[in-house]
All heavy atoms as atom14 arrays in JSON, in Angstrom:
{
  "sequence": "HTCPPRLKRKTRYPCCICNKPICLQCAKKLCVKCKADRD",
  "atom14_mask": [
    [1, 1, 1, 1, 1, 1, 1, 1, 1, 1, 0, 0, 0, 0],
    [1, 1, 1, 1, 1, 1, 1, 0, 0, 0, 0, 0, 0, 0],
    [1, 1, 1, 1, 1, 1, 0, 0, 0, 0, 0, 0, 0, 0],
    [1, 1, 1, 1, 1, 1, 1, 0, 0, 0, 0, 0, 0, 0],
    [1, 1, 1, 1, 1, 1, 1, 0, 0, 0, 0, 0, 0, 0],
    [1, 1, 1, 1, 1, 1, 1, 1, 1, 1, 1, 0, 0, 0],
    [1, 1, 1, 1, 1, 1, 1, 1, 0, 0, 0, 0, 0, 0],
    [1, 1, 1, 1, 1, 1, 1, 1, 1, 0, 0, 0, 0, 0],
    [1, 1, 1, 1, 1, 1, 1, 1, 1, 1, 1, 0, 0, 0],
    [1, 1, 1, 1, 1, 1, 1, 1, 1, 0, 0, 0, 0, 0],
    [1, 1, 1, 1, 1, 1, 1, 0, 0, 0, 0, 0, 0, 0],
    [1, 1, 1, 1, 1, 1, 1, 1, 1, 1, 1, 0, 0, 0],
    [1, 1, 1, 1, 1, 1, 1, 1, 1, 1, 1, 1, 0, 0],
    [1, 1, 1, 1, 1, 1, 1, 0, 0, 0, 0, 0, 0, 0],
    [1, 1, 1, 1, 1, 1, 0, 0, 0, 0, 0, 0, 0, 0],
    [1, 1, 1, 1, 1, 1, 0, 0, 0, 0, 0, 0, 0, 0],
    [1, 1, 1, 1, 1, 1, 1, 1, 0, 0, 0, 0, 0, 0],
    [1, 1, 1, 1, 1, 1, 0, 0, 0, 0, 0, 0, 0, 0],
    [1, 1, 1, 1, 1, 1, 1, 1, 0, 0, 0, 0, 0, 0],
    [1, 1, 1, 1, 1, 1, 1, 1, 1, 0, 0, 0, 0, 0],
    [1, 1, 1, 1, 1, 1, 1, 0, 0, 0, 0, 0, 0, 0],
    [1, 1, 1, 1, 1, 1, 1, 1, 0, 0, 0, 0, 0, 0],
    [1, 1, 1, 1, 1, 1, 0, 0, 0, 0, 0, 0, 0, 0],
    [1, 1, 1, 1, 1, 1, 1, 1, 0, 0, 0, 0, 0, 0],
    [1, 1, 1, 1, 1, 1, 1, 1, 1, 0, 0, 0, 0, 0],
    [1, 1, 1, 1, 1, 1, 0, 0, 0, 0, 0, 0, 0, 0],
    [1, 1, 1, 1, 1, 0, 0, 0, 0, 0, 0, 0, 0, 0],
    [1, 1, 1, 1, 1, 1, 1, 1, 1, 0, 0, 0, 0, 0],
    [1, 1, 1, 1, 1, 1, 1, 1, 1, 0, 0, 0, 0, 0],
    [1, 1, 1, 1, 1, 1, 1, 1, 0, 0, 0, 0, 0, 0],
    [1, 1, 1, 1, 1, 1, 0, 0, 0, 0, 0, 0, 0, 0],
    [1, 1, 1, 1, 1, 1, 1, 0, 0, 0, 0, 0, 0, 0],
    [1, 1, 1, 1, 1, 1, 1, 1, 1, 0, 0, 0, 0, 0],
    [1, 1, 1, 1, 1, 1, 0, 0, 0, 0, 0, 0, 0, 0],
    [1, 1, 1, 1, 1, 1, 1, 1, 1, 0, 0, 0, 0, 0],
    [1, 1, 1, 1, 1, 0, 0, 0, 0, 0, 0, 0, 0, 0],
    [1, 1, 1, 1, 1, 1, 1, 1, 0, 0, 0, 0, 0, 0],
    [1, 1, 1, 1, 1, 1, 1, 1, 1, 1, 1, 0, 0, 0],
    [1, 1, 1, 1, 1, 1, 1, 1, 0, 0, 0, 0, 0, 0]
  ],
  "atom14_positions": [
    [[-5.48, -2.73, -6.03], [-6.87, -3.07, -5.72], [-7.69, -1.88, -5.23], [-8.9, -1.96, -5.13], [-6.92, -4.22, -4.69], [-6.84, -3.78, -3.27], [-5.65, -3.4, -2.68], [-7.8, -3.66, -2.33], [-5.88, -3.07, -1.43], [-7.17, -3.2, -1.18], [0.0, 0.0, 0.0], [0.0, 0.0, 0.0], [0.0, 0.0, 0.0], [0.0, 0.0, 0.0]],
    [[-7.05, -0.73, -4.97], [-7.78, 0.46, -4.49], [-8.13, 1.42, -5.61], [-9.17, 2.07, -5.56], [-6.94, 1.24, -3.46], [-5.98, 0.39, -2.87], [-7.8, 1.79, -2.37], [0.0, 0.0, 0.0], [0.0, 0.0, 0.0], [0.0, 0.0, 0.0], [0.0, 0.0, 0.0], [0.0, 0.0, 0.0], [0.0, 0.0, 0.0], [0.0, 0.0, 0.0]],
    [[-7.28, 1.52, -6.62], [-7.52, 2.47, -7.72], [-8.73, 2.04, -8.56], [-9.04, 0.85, -8.63], [-6.3, 2.53, -8.64], [-4.88, 3.28, -7.87], [0.0, 0.0, 0.0], [0.0, 0.0, 0.0], [0.0, 0.0, 0.0], [0.0, 0.0, 0.0], [0.0, 0.0, 0.0], [0.0, 0.0, 0.0], [0.0, 0.0, 0.0], [0.0, 0.0, 0.0]],
    [[-9.37, 2.99, -9.21], [-10.44, 2.62, -10.15], [-9.89, 1.73, -11.27], [-8.74, 1.93, -11.71], [-10.91, 3.96, -10.72], [-10.43, 5.0, -9.76], [-9.2, 4.44, -9.11], [0.0, 0.0, 0.0], [0.0, 0.0, 0.0], [0.0, 0.0, 0.0], [0.0, 0.0, 0.0], [0.0, 0.0, 0.0], [0.0, 0.0, 0.0], [0.0, 0.0, 0.0]],
    [[-10.66, 0.76, -11.72], [-10.15, -0.18, -12.74], [-9.69, 0.48, -14.03], [-8.79, 0.0, -14.7], [-11.35, -1.1, -13.01], [-12.22, -0.97, -11.82], [-11.99, 0.4, -11.26], [0.0, 0.0, 0.0], [0.0, 0.0, 0.0], [0.0, 0.0, 0.0], [0.0, 0.0, 0.0], [0.0, 0.0, 0.0], [0.0, 0.0, 0.0], [0.0, 0.0, 0.0]],
    [[-10.27, 1.63, -14.39], [-9.9, 2.28, -15.66], [-8.45, 2.78, -15.63], [-7.83, 2.93, -16.67], [-10.87, 3.42, -15.98], [-10.9, 4.52, -14.96], [-11.94, 5.59, -15.3], [-12.16, 6.5, -14.22], [-11.34, 7.47, -13.86], [-10.2, 7.66, -14.51], [-11.63, 8.26, -12.85], [0.0, 0.0, 0.0], [0.0, 0.0, 0.0], [0.0, 0.0, 0.0]],
    [[-7.89, 3.05, -14.43], [-6.51, 3.55, -14.36], [-5.49, 2.43, -14.58], [-4.41, 2.67, -15.1], [-6.26, 4.21, -13.0], [-7.05, 5.49, -12.73], [-6.75, 6.02, -11.33], [-6.74, 6.56, -13.75], [0.0, 0.0, 0.0], [0.0, 0.0, 0.0], [0.0, 0.0, 0.0], [0.0, 0.0, 0.0], [0.0, 0.0, 0.0], [0.0, 0.0, 0.0]],
    [[-5.81, 1.21, -14.17], [-4.95, 0.03, -14.35], [-3.52, 0.29, -13.87], [-2.55, 0.0, -14.58], [-4.95, -0.41, -15.81], [-6.3, -0.9, -16.26], [-6.26, -1.36, -17.69], [-7.64, -1.82, -18.12], [-7.75, -2.08, -19.52], [0.0, 0.0, 0.0], [0.0, 0.0, 0.0], [0.0, 0.0, 0.0], [0.0, 0.0, 0.0], [0.0, 0.0, 0.0]],
    [[-3.39, 0.83, -12.67], [-2.04, 1.07, -12.13], [-1.44, -0.25, -11.65], [-2.06, -0.99, -10.92], [-2.12, 2.05, -10.95], [-2.42, 3.46, -11.37], [-2.2, 4.4, -10.2], [-2.5, 5.76, -10.59], [-3.26, 6.59, -9.88], [-3.79, 6.21, -8.75], [-3.46, 7.81, -10.31], [0.0, 0.0, 0.0], [0.0, 0.0, 0.0], [0.0, 0.0, 0.0]],
    [[-0.21, -0.5, -12.07], [0.5, -1.74, -11.71], [1.46, -1.45, -10.57], [2.04, -0.37, -10.47], [1.27, -2.28, -12.91], [0.4, -2.65, -14.09], [-0.39, -3.89, -13.79], [-1.17, -4.32, -15.04], [-1.98, -5.49, -14.78], [0.0, 0.0, 0.0], [0.0, 0.0, 0.0], [0.0, 0.0, 0.0], [0.0, 0.0, 0.0], [0.0, 0.0, 0.0]],
    [[1.66, -2.45, -9.69], [2.55, -2.27, -8.55], [3.11, -3.62, -8.11], [2.52, -4.67, -8.39], [1.79, -1.61, -7.37], [2.69, -1.42, -6.3], [0.62, -2.45, -6.91], [0.0, 0.0, 0.0], [0.0, 0.0, 0.0], [0.0, 0.0, 0.0], [0.0, 0.0, 0.0], [0.0, 0.0, 0.0], [0.0, 0.0, 0.0], [0.0, 0.0, 0.0]],
    [[4.23, -3.55, -7.41], [4.81, -4.75, -6.8], [4.69, -4.7, -5.28], [5.09, -5.62, -4.59], [6.3, -4.84, -7.17], [6.54, -5.33, -8.57], [7.93, -5.96, -8.68], [8.07, -6.6, -9.98], [8.86, -6.17, -10.93], [9.58, -5.1, -10.76], [8.93, -6.82, -12.07], [0.0, 0.0, 0.0], [0.0, 0.0, 0.0], [0.0, 0.0, 0.0]],
    [[4.11, -3.59, -4.75], [4.05, -3.4, -3.29], [2.75, -3.96, -2.72], [1.67, -3.65, -3.21], [4.14, -1.92, -2.94], [5.43, -1.28, -3.37], [5.48, -0.47, -4.5], [6.6, -1.5, -2.66], [6.67, 0.12, -4.91], [7.79, -0.92, -3.06], [7.82, -0.12, -4.18], [9.01, 0.45, -4.58], [0.0, 0.0, 0.0], [0.0, 0.0, 0.0]],
    [[2.83, -4.77, -1.63], [1.61, -5.23, -0.97], [1.26, -4.32, 0.21], [2.14, -3.65, 0.78], [2.02, -6.62, -0.46], [3.48, -6.49, -0.18], [4.03, -5.49, -1.18], [0.0, 0.0, 0.0], [0.0, 0.0, 0.0], [0.0, 0.0, 0.0], [0.0, 0.0, 0.0], [0.0, 0.0, 0.0], [0.0, 0.0, 0.0], [0.0, 0.0, 0.0]],
    [[0.0, -4.31, 0.58], [-0.44, -3.61, 1.8], [0.07, -4.4, 3.0], [0.01, -5.63, 3.0], [-1.96, -3.5, 1.82], [-2.62, -2.87, 3.38], [0.0, 0.0, 0.0], [0.0, 0.0, 0.0], [0.0, 0.0, 0.0], [0.0, 0.0, 0.0], [0.0, 0.0, 0.0], [0.0, 0.0, 0.0], [0.0, 0.0, 0.0], [0.0, 0.0, 0.0]],
    [[0.57, -3.71, 4.01], [1.13, -4.41, 5.17], [0.06, -5.04, 6.05], [0.36, -5.86, 6.91], [2.03, -3.48, 5.99], [1.11, -2.16, 6.79], [0.0, 0.0, 0.0], [0.0, 0.0, 0.0], [0.0, 0.0, 0.0], [0.0, 0.0, 0.0], [0.0, 0.0, 0.0], [0.0, 0.0, 0.0], [0.0, 0.0, 0.0], [0.0, 0.0, 0.0]],
    [[-1.21, -4.7, 5.85], [-2.28, -5.28, 6.66], [-2.98, -6.41, 5.92], [-3.03, -7.54, 6.39], [-3.33, -4.2, 7.05], [-2.67, -3.04, 7.8], [-4.47, -4.81, 7.86], [-2.09, -3.41, 9.13], [0.0, 0.0, 0.0], [0.0, 0.0, 0.0], [0.0, 0.0, 0.0], [0.0, 0.0, 0.0], [0.0, 0.0, 0.0], [0.0, 0.0, 0.0]],
    [[-3.52, -6.11, 4.71], [-4.32, -7.13, 3.99], [-3.52, -7.88, 2.93], [-4.04, -8.82, 2.33], [-5.55, -6.48, 3.37], [-5.15, -5.27, 2.09], [0.0, 0.0, 0.0], [0.0, 0.0, 0.0], [0.0, 0.0, 0.0], [0.0, 0.0, 0.0], [0.0, 0.0, 0.0], [0.0, 0.0, 0.0], [0.0, 0.0, 0.0], [0.0, 0.0, 0.0]],
    [[-2.28, -7.46, 2.66], [-1.39, -8.13, 1.72], [-1.89, -8.07, 0.27], [-1.51, -8.87, -0.55], [-1.16, -9.59, 2.14], [0.16, -10.12, 1.62], [1.09, -9.35, 1.4], [0.25, -11.41, 1.43], [0.0, 0.0, 0.0], [0.0, 0.0, 0.0], [0.0, 0.0, 0.0], [0.0, 0.0, 0.0], [0.0, 0.0, 0.0], [0.0, 0.0, 0.0]],
    [[-2.75, -7.1, -0.04], [-3.23, -6.92, -1.41], [-2.36, -5.9, -2.11], [-1.76, -5.03, -1.46], [-4.69, -6.46, -1.39], [-5.62, -7.55, -0.9], [-7.04, -7.14, -0.99], [-7.93, -8.29, -0.55], [-9.31, -7.91, -0.41], [0.0, 0.0, 0.0], [0.0, 0.0, 0.0], [0.0, 0.0, 0.0], [0.0, 0.0, 0.0], [0.0, 0.0, 0.0]],
    [[-2.26, -5.97, -3.45], [-1.39, -5.02, -4.16], [-1.92, -3.59, -4.02], [-3.12, -3.35, -4.14], [-1.45, -5.49, -5.61], [-2.62, -6.38, -5.7], [-2.88, -6.93, -4.34], [0.0, 0.0, 0.0], [0.0, 0.0, 0.0], [0.0, 0.0, 0.0], [0.0, 0.0, 0.0], [0.0, 0.0, 0.0], [0.0, 0.0, 0.0], [0.0, 0.0, 0.0]],
    [[-1.0, -2.66, -3.76], [-1.39, -1.26, -3.6], [-0.31, -0.38, -4.21], [0.88, -0.6, -4.0], [-1.61, -0.93, -2.11], [-2.18, 0.47, -1.96], [-0.38, -1.1, -1.27], [-2.78, 0.73, -0.61], [0.0, 0.0, 0.0], [0.0, 0.0, 0.0], [0.0, 0.0, 0.0], [0.0, 0.0, 0.0], [0.0, 0.0, 0.0], [0.0, 0.0, 0.0]],
    [[-0.74, 0.59, -5.03], [0.23, 1.48, -5.68], [0.66, 2.58, -4.71], [0.04, 2.79, -3.67], [-0.36, 2.08, -6.95], [-1.69, 3.24, -6.65], [0.0, 0.0, 0.0], [0.0, 0.0, 0.0], [0.0, 0.0, 0.0], [0.0, 0.0, 0.0], [0.0, 0.0, 0.0], [0.0, 0.0, 0.0], [0.0, 0.0, 0.0], [0.0, 0.0, 0.0]],
    [[1.71, 3.3, -5.07], [2.24, 4.33, -4.17], [1.32, 5.54, -4.06], [1.39, 6.28, -3.09], [3.63, 4.75, -4.64], [4.69, 3.63, -4.55], [6.02, 4.12, -5.09], [4.85, 3.13, -3.13], [0.0, 0.0, 0.0], [0.0, 0.0, 0.0], [0.0, 0.0, 0.0], [0.0, 0.0, 0.0], [0.0, 0.0, 0.0], [0.0, 0.0, 0.0]],
    [[0.44, 5.76, -5.05], [-0.52, 6.86, -4.95], [-1.59, 6.57, -3.89], [-2.14, 7.47, -3.28], [-1.22, 7.13, -6.29], [-0.4, 7.93, -7.27], [0.54, 7.05, -8.07], [0.6, 5.84, -7.9], [1.31, 7.66, -8.97], [0.0, 0.0, 0.0], [0.0, 0.0, 0.0], [0.0, 0.0, 0.0], [0.0, 0.0, 0.0], [0.0, 0.0, 0.0]],
    [[-1.91, 5.29, -3.68], [-2.94, 4.9, -2.71], [-2.36, 4.63, -1.32], [-3.1, 4.47, -0.37], [-3.67, 3.66, -3.19], [-4.57, 3.93, -4.72], [0.0, 0.0, 0.0], [0.0, 0.0, 0.0], [0.0, 0.0, 0.0], [0.0, 0.0, 0.0], [0.0, 0.0, 0.0], [0.0, 0.0, 0.0], [0.0, 0.0, 0.0], [0.0, 0.0, 0.0]],
    [[-1.04, 4.54, -1.22], [-0.41, 4.21, 0.06], [-0.14, 5.47, 0.87], [-0.04, 6.57, 0.32], [0.9, 3.47, -0.2], [0.0, 0.0, 0.0], [0.0, 0.0, 0.0], [0.0, 0.0, 0.0], [0.0, 0.0, 0.0], [0.0, 0.0, 0.0], [0.0, 0.0, 0.0], [0.0, 0.0, 0.0], [0.0, 0.0, 0.0], [0.0, 0.0, 0.0]],
    [[-0.03, 5.28, 2.18], [0.35, 6.38, 3.06], [1.75, 6.11, 3.58], [2.12, 4.97, 3.86], [-0.62, 6.49, 4.25], [-1.96, 7.03, 3.84], [-2.74, 7.45, 5.04], [-4.02, 8.14, 4.6], [-4.82, 8.61, 5.7], [0.0, 0.0, 0.0], [0.0, 0.0, 0.0], [0.0, 0.0, 0.0], [0.0, 0.0, 0.0], [0.0, 0.0, 0.0]],
    [[2.55, 7.19, 3.74], [3.92, 7.03, 4.19], [3.92, 6.71, 5.68], [3.19, 7.3, 6.46], [4.71, 8.3, 3.93], [4.89, 8.58, 2.46], [5.61, 9.87, 2.24], [5.72, 10.15, 0.75], [6.28, 11.46, 0.46], [0.0, 0.0, 0.0], [0.0, 0.0, 0.0], [0.0, 0.0, 0.0], [0.0, 0.0, 0.0], [0.0, 0.0, 0.0]],
    [[4.8, 5.76, 6.08], [4.9, 5.33, 7.47], [6.36, 5.07, 7.77], [7.0, 4.31, 7.05], [4.05, 4.06, 7.66], [3.92, 3.51, 9.06], [3.02, 4.42, 9.89], [3.31, 2.12, 9.02], [0.0, 0.0, 0.0], [0.0, 0.0, 0.0], [0.0, 0.0, 0.0], [0.0, 0.0, 0.0], [0.0, 0.0, 0.0], [0.0, 0.0, 0.0]],
    [[6.87, 5.71, 8.8], [8.29, 5.51, 9.1], [8.49, 4.15, 9.77], [7.55, 3.54, 10.27], [8.83, 6.64, 9.98], [8.27, 6.59, 11.68], [0.0, 0.0, 0.0], [0.0, 0.0, 0.0], [0.0, 0.0, 0.0], [0.0, 0.0, 0.0], [0.0, 0.0, 0.0], [0.0, 0.0, 0.0], [0.0, 0.0, 0.0], [0.0, 0.0, 0.0]],
    [[9.75, 3.69, 9.81], [10.08, 2.37, 10.33], [9.72, 2.28, 11.82], [9.2, 1.26, 12.29], [11.6, 2.08, 10.12], [11.97, 0.74, 10.72], [11.93, 2.12, 8.65], [0.0, 0.0, 0.0], [0.0, 0.0, 0.0], [0.0, 0.0, 0.0], [0.0, 0.0, 0.0], [0.0, 0.0, 0.0], [0.0, 0.0, 0.0], [0.0, 0.0, 0.0]],
    [[9.94, 3.35, 12.57], [9.66, 3.36, 14.01], [8.15, 3.18, 14.27], [7.74, 2.38, 15.11], [10.13, 4.68, 14.61], [9.96, 4.76, 16.11], [10.45, 6.11, 16.64], [10.25, 6.22, 18.15], [8.88, 6.09, 18.56], [0.0, 0.0, 0.0], [0.0, 0.0, 0.0], [0.0, 0.0, 0.0], [0.0, 0.0, 0.0], [0.0, 0.0, 0.0]],
    [[7.31, 3.91, 13.51], [5.86, 3.79, 13.7], [5.36, 2.42, 13.31], [4.48, 1.86, 13.95], [5.14, 4.86, 12.86], [5.43, 6.53, 13.47], [0.0, 0.0, 0.0], [0.0, 0.0, 0.0], [0.0, 0.0, 0.0], [0.0, 0.0, 0.0], [0.0, 0.0, 0.0], [0.0, 0.0, 0.0], [0.0, 0.0, 0.0], [0.0, 0.0, 0.0]],
    [[5.97, 1.84, 12.23], [5.58, 0.49, 11.83], [5.93, -0.52, 12.9], [5.17, -1.42, 13.22], [6.23, 0.12, 10.49], [5.72, -1.21, 9.93], [6.3, -1.47, 8.58], [5.73, -2.72, 7.95], [5.69, -3.9, 8.79], [0.0, 0.0, 0.0], [0.0, 0.0, 0.0], [0.0, 0.0, 0.0], [0.0, 0.0, 0.0], [0.0, 0.0, 0.0]],
    [[7.12, -0.33, 13.51], [7.56, -1.23, 14.59], [6.63, -1.1, 15.81], [6.29, -2.08, 16.45], [9.0, -0.93, 14.98], [0.0, 0.0, 0.0], [0.0, 0.0, 0.0], [0.0, 0.0, 0.0], [0.0, 0.0, 0.0], [0.0, 0.0, 0.0], [0.0, 0.0, 0.0], [0.0, 0.0, 0.0], [0.0, 0.0, 0.0], [0.0, 0.0, 0.0]],
    [[6.23, 0.15, 16.11], [5.3, 0.38, 17.22], [3.96, -0.29, 16.96], [3.34, -0.85, 17.87], [5.08, 1.88, 17.47], [6.32, 2.55, 18.02], [7.22, 1.8, 18.51], [6.41, 3.79, 17.98], [0.0, 0.0, 0.0], [0.0, 0.0, 0.0], [0.0, 0.0, 0.0], [0.0, 0.0, 0.0], [0.0, 0.0, 0.0], [0.0, 0.0, 0.0]],
    [[3.51, -0.25, 15.72], [2.22, -0.87, 15.37], [2.31, -2.37, 15.45], [1.38, -3.04, 15.88], [1.79, -0.42, 13.97], [0.44, -0.96, 13.6], [-0.02, -0.44, 12.27], [-1.25, -1.14, 11.93], [-2.38, -0.55, 11.6], [-2.44, 0.74, 11.56], [-3.45, -1.25, 11.3], [0.0, 0.0, 0.0], [0.0, 0.0, 0.0], [0.0, 0.0, 0.0]],
    [[3.47, -2.93, 14.99], [3.65, -4.38, 15.04], [3.83, -4.83, 16.48], [3.38, -5.84, 16.89], [4.85, -4.82, 14.19], [4.59, -4.57, 12.7], [3.42, -4.4, 12.33], [5.57, -4.53, 11.92], [0.0, 0.0, 0.0], [0.0, 0.0, 0.0], [0.0, 0.0, 0.0], [0.0, 0.0, 0.0], [0.0, 0.0, 0.0], [0.0, 0.0, 0.0]]
  ]
}
């Protein structure tokens, strides 16, 4: 849902906040410890 429509990148990964599909190019890396701290 973040990439321009012309790229049509497919993914199986959801965003951990809004639960919308997001490809790995649009995602930011987050370690397990930081995710646990955020949760």
